[in-house]
Amino acid sequence: ALGQIVSALRYLHGNPLGRGPVAHASLKPENIYLDKDGSVKLMDVGMSSELRITTPLNLHISVAIDLYKAPEQLETNNNGDSVPGATNTLLSGDIWALGCYLYELIFKKRPFTTGREIDLYLSITRLPRPIELPTRLPTKQIPSNNGSPNVMQQSQSQFSDELRHVLNACLSIDPAERPCLENIAEAAKRMM
């Protein structure tokens, strides 16, 4: 699935309309669909943004915070204008969102959770770097060999260094440190 998501993002980011790259800008689990044939489809692509790379973002903290928005997409000054240097980084924001999606897919929980928007904002923009990731994947419970529903065996898989590196890179606070989609695609191939 990771390879298919990366392939779709590479297509969007690669100037599909002949007018510049297109950012999905709303990548999250609700917009990733797995069909009955096992193919991944990105939804809400119609909401994607054609980019003018020098255009600043004008996001306001008063707007509901999307759990998958990158830190630079949340940073504004007191007037609601982008902070200096926070240019339109929707392409790297797609990489951040991909990291959030992978985190949730692997660990079965969201990387950032809180009840209040300000706490969510602070947790996204002020996290320690690199993010502290668990050393093991979540425990899976598998029915025992004798089929007894009350007796369960536990299975734990190691969390690979390669996957740890990809997640930490995707969730880097600095958009310039996030990997390009080509590097993520290569890592996905090695992990299969």
Protein backbone atom coordinates (compact mmCIF):
# COMPACT_ATOMS: atom_id res chain seq x y z
CA ALA A 1 0.00 0.00 0.00
CA LEU A 2 2.83 2.43 0.84
CA GLY A 3 4.30 2.05 -2.63
CA GLN A 4 0.95 2.84 -4.27
CA ILE A 5 0.39 5.92 -2.10
CA VAL A 6 3.88 7.18 -2.87
CA SER A 7 3.34 6.50 -6.59
CA ALA A 8 0.11 8.55 -6.57
CA LEU A 9 1.81 11.42 -4.74
CA ARG A 10 4.77 11.30 -7.15
CA TYR A 11 2.31 11.68 -10.01
CA LEU A 12 0.63 14.69 -8.39
CA HIS A 13 3.90 16.34 -7.41
CA GLY A 14 5.33 15.76 -10.89
CA ASN A 15 3.47 18.45 -12.83
CA PRO A 16 0.53 16.37 -14.13
CA LEU A 17 -1.34 19.35 -15.57
CA GLY A 18 1.68 20.99 -17.19
CA ARG A 19 1.32 24.06 -14.96
CA GLY A 20 3.42 23.03 -11.97
CA PRO A 21 3.28 20.47 -9.19
CA VAL A 22 0.01 19.61 -7.46
CA ALA A 23 -0.14 18.94 -3.72
CA HIS A 24 -2.83 16.63 -2.39
CA ALA A 25 -2.99 18.90 0.69
CA SER A 26 -5.49 16.66 2.50
CA LEU A 27 -3.76 13.30 2.83
CA LYS A 28 -5.21 11.41 5.79
CA PRO A 29 -6.72 7.95 6.41
CA GLU A 30 -10.21 9.08 5.40
CA ASN A 31 -8.83 10.00 1.96
CA ILE A 32 -6.98 6.73 1.33
CA TYR A 33 -9.21 3.97 0.01
CA LEU A 34 -8.29 0.33 -0.49
CA ASP A 35 -10.56 -1.26 -3.11
CA LYS A 36 -11.58 -4.92 -3.28
CA ASP A 37 -8.68 -5.68 -5.65
CA GLY A 38 -6.15 -4.33 -3.15
CA SER A 39 -5.46 -1.14 -5.10
CA VAL A 40 -4.99 2.09 -3.20
CA LYS A 41 -6.97 5.13 -4.33
CA LEU A 42 -6.36 8.67 -3.09
CA MET A 43 -9.64 10.47 -2.52
CA ASP A 44 -10.37 14.22 -2.47
CA VAL A 45 -7.78 14.83 -5.17
CA GLY A 46 -10.19 17.40 -6.58
CA MET A 47 -9.41 19.47 -3.49
CA SER A 48 -5.69 19.39 -4.30
CA SER A 49 -3.80 22.61 -4.81
CA GLU A 50 -1.89 23.71 -7.84
CA LEU A 51 1.16 25.39 -6.43
CA ARG A 52 2.78 28.69 -7.00
CA ILE A 53 5.86 27.94 -4.93
CA THR A 54 6.43 31.54 -3.82
CA THR A 55 2.88 32.11 -2.54
CA PRO A 56 2.76 32.30 1.28
CA LEU A 57 0.23 30.31 3.24
CA ASN A 58 -2.32 32.26 5.21
CA LEU A 59 -3.58 29.78 7.77
CA HIS A 60 -5.15 30.83 11.02
CA ILE A 61 -4.83 28.96 14.31
CA SER A 62 -8.52 29.64 14.94
CA VAL A 63 -9.37 27.24 12.10
CA ALA A 64 -9.87 23.65 13.21
CA ILE A 65 -6.48 21.96 13.18
CA ASP A 66 -6.14 18.95 10.93
CA LEU A 67 -4.17 16.20 12.69
CA TYR A 68 -2.19 15.67 9.49
CA LYS A 69 -1.16 19.28 8.80
CA ALA A 70 2.58 19.91 8.87
CA PRO A 71 4.00 22.30 11.49
CA GLU A 72 4.91 24.92 8.89
CA GLN A 73 1.30 24.94 7.72
CA LEU A 74 0.17 25.83 11.24
CA GLU A 75 2.70 28.57 11.99
CA THR A 76 1.22 32.08 11.77
CA ASN A 77 1.96 35.39 13.45
CA ASN A 78 -0.54 37.32 15.58
CA ASN A 79 -2.17 38.80 12.46
CA GLY A 80 -2.85 35.35 11.03
CA ASP A 81 -0.19 35.81 8.35
CA SER A 82 2.48 33.23 7.69
CA VAL A 83 5.63 33.63 9.71
CA PRO A 84 8.70 34.81 7.75
CA GLY A 85 10.09 31.96 5.70
CA ALA A 86 6.91 29.89 5.90
CA THR A 87 6.33 29.81 2.15
CA ASN A 88 3.89 27.50 0.47
CA THR A 89 5.14 24.10 1.58
CA LEU A 90 2.19 21.95 0.66
CA LEU A 91 4.41 19.44 -1.16
CA SER A 92 6.49 18.80 1.96
CA GLY A 93 3.22 18.88 3.91
CA ASP A 94 2.11 15.85 1.88
CA ILE A 95 5.28 14.06 3.08
CA TRP A 96 4.46 15.00 6.71
CA ALA A 97 0.88 13.73 6.27
CA LEU A 98 2.23 10.48 4.79
CA GLY A 99 4.39 10.08 7.91
CA CYS A 100 1.35 10.65 10.16
CA TYR A 101 -0.63 8.10 8.16
CA LEU A 102 2.18 5.52 8.40
CA TYR A 103 2.48 6.13 12.14
CA GLU A 104 -1.24 5.51 12.61
CA LEU A 105 -1.20 2.47 10.34
CA ILE A 106 1.76 0.88 12.16
CA PHE A 107 1.06 1.78 15.79
CA LYS A 108 -2.76 1.76 15.63
CA LYS A 109 -2.97 5.23 17.15
CA ARG A 110 -2.58 8.79 15.97
CA PRO A 111 0.80 10.42 16.42
CA PHE A 112 -0.78 13.52 17.99
CA THR A 113 -3.85 13.34 20.18
CA THR A 114 -5.36 15.83 22.55
CA GLY A 115 -8.72 17.25 23.46
CA ARG A 116 -7.96 20.93 22.84
CA GLU A 117 -6.82 22.58 19.62
CA ILE A 118 -4.10 24.62 21.32
CA ASP A 119 -2.60 21.48 22.87
CA LEU A 120 -2.71 19.76 19.49
CA TYR A 121 -1.02 22.76 17.88
CA LEU A 122 1.70 22.74 20.53
CA SER A 123 2.27 19.00 20.26
CA ILE A 124 2.67 19.20 16.47
CA THR A 125 4.90 22.28 16.41
CA ARG A 126 6.97 21.64 19.55
CA LEU A 127 7.63 17.90 19.53
CA PRO A 128 11.11 16.67 20.41
CA ARG A 129 13.06 15.65 17.33
CA PRO A 130 13.45 13.00 16.28
CA ILE A 131 10.10 11.71 17.46
CA GLU A 132 10.42 8.96 20.03
CA LEU A 133 9.07 5.87 18.32
CA PRO A 134 8.30 2.58 20.06
CA THR A 135 10.96 -0.10 19.58
CA ARG A 136 8.35 -2.77 18.86
CA LEU A 137 5.19 -2.91 16.84
CA PRO A 138 1.91 -3.26 18.74
CA THR A 139 1.23 -6.71 20.16
CA LYS A 140 -1.02 -8.90 18.05
CA GLN A 141 -3.11 -11.58 19.68
CA ILE A 142 -3.34 -14.80 17.71
CA PRO A 143 -5.60 -17.74 18.62
CA SER A 144 -3.61 -20.65 20.04
CA ASN A 145 -2.97 -23.81 18.04
CA ASN A 146 -5.65 -25.73 19.93
CA GLY A 147 -8.26 -23.20 18.78
CA SER A 148 -9.32 -22.24 22.29
CA PRO A 149 -10.77 -18.72 22.18
CA ASN A 150 -9.64 -18.08 25.77
CA VAL A 151 -5.99 -18.95 25.23
CA MET A 152 -4.10 -16.40 23.17
CA GLN A 153 -0.51 -16.23 22.03
CA GLN A 154 1.21 -12.90 21.66
CA SER A 155 3.23 -11.99 18.62
CA GLN A 156 5.54 -8.99 18.53
CA SER A 157 7.55 -7.88 15.54
CA GLN A 158 10.65 -5.80 15.64
CA PHE A 159 10.27 -2.29 14.33
CA SER A 160 12.83 -2.10 11.50
CA ASP A 161 15.53 0.55 11.47
CA GLU A 162 14.60 1.43 7.90
CA LEU A 163 10.95 2.06 8.80
CA ARG A 164 12.05 4.03 11.87
CA HIS A 165 14.27 6.20 9.66
CA VAL A 166 11.48 6.81 7.10
CA LEU A 167 8.99 7.79 9.82
CA ASN A 168 11.43 10.11 11.59
CA ALA A 169 12.41 11.73 8.29
CA CYS A 170 8.78 12.23 7.18
CA LEU A 171 7.93 13.74 10.58
CA SER A 172 10.90 16.11 10.66
CA ILE A 173 9.92 19.56 11.92
CA ASP A 174 12.08 21.08 9.15
CA PRO A 175 10.45 20.55 5.74
CA ALA A 176 13.89 20.63 4.08
CA GLU A 177 14.88 17.52 6.07
CA ARG A 178 11.91 15.46 4.89
CA PRO A 179 12.71 12.82 2.28
CA CYS A 180 11.65 13.16 -1.33
CA LEU A 181 9.04 10.74 -2.61
CA GLU A 182 11.67 8.89 -4.67
CA ASN A 183 13.64 8.05 -1.51
CA ILE A 184 10.48 6.89 0.27
CA ALA A 185 9.59 4.71 -2.74
CA GLU A 186 13.07 3.12 -2.67
CA ALA A 187 12.79 2.47 1.07
CA ALA A 188 9.31 0.95 0.59
CA LYS A 189 10.72 -1.47 -2.00
CA ARG A 190 13.51 -2.52 0.37
CA MET A 191 11.04 -3.10 3.21
CA MET A 192 8.84 -5.47 1.16
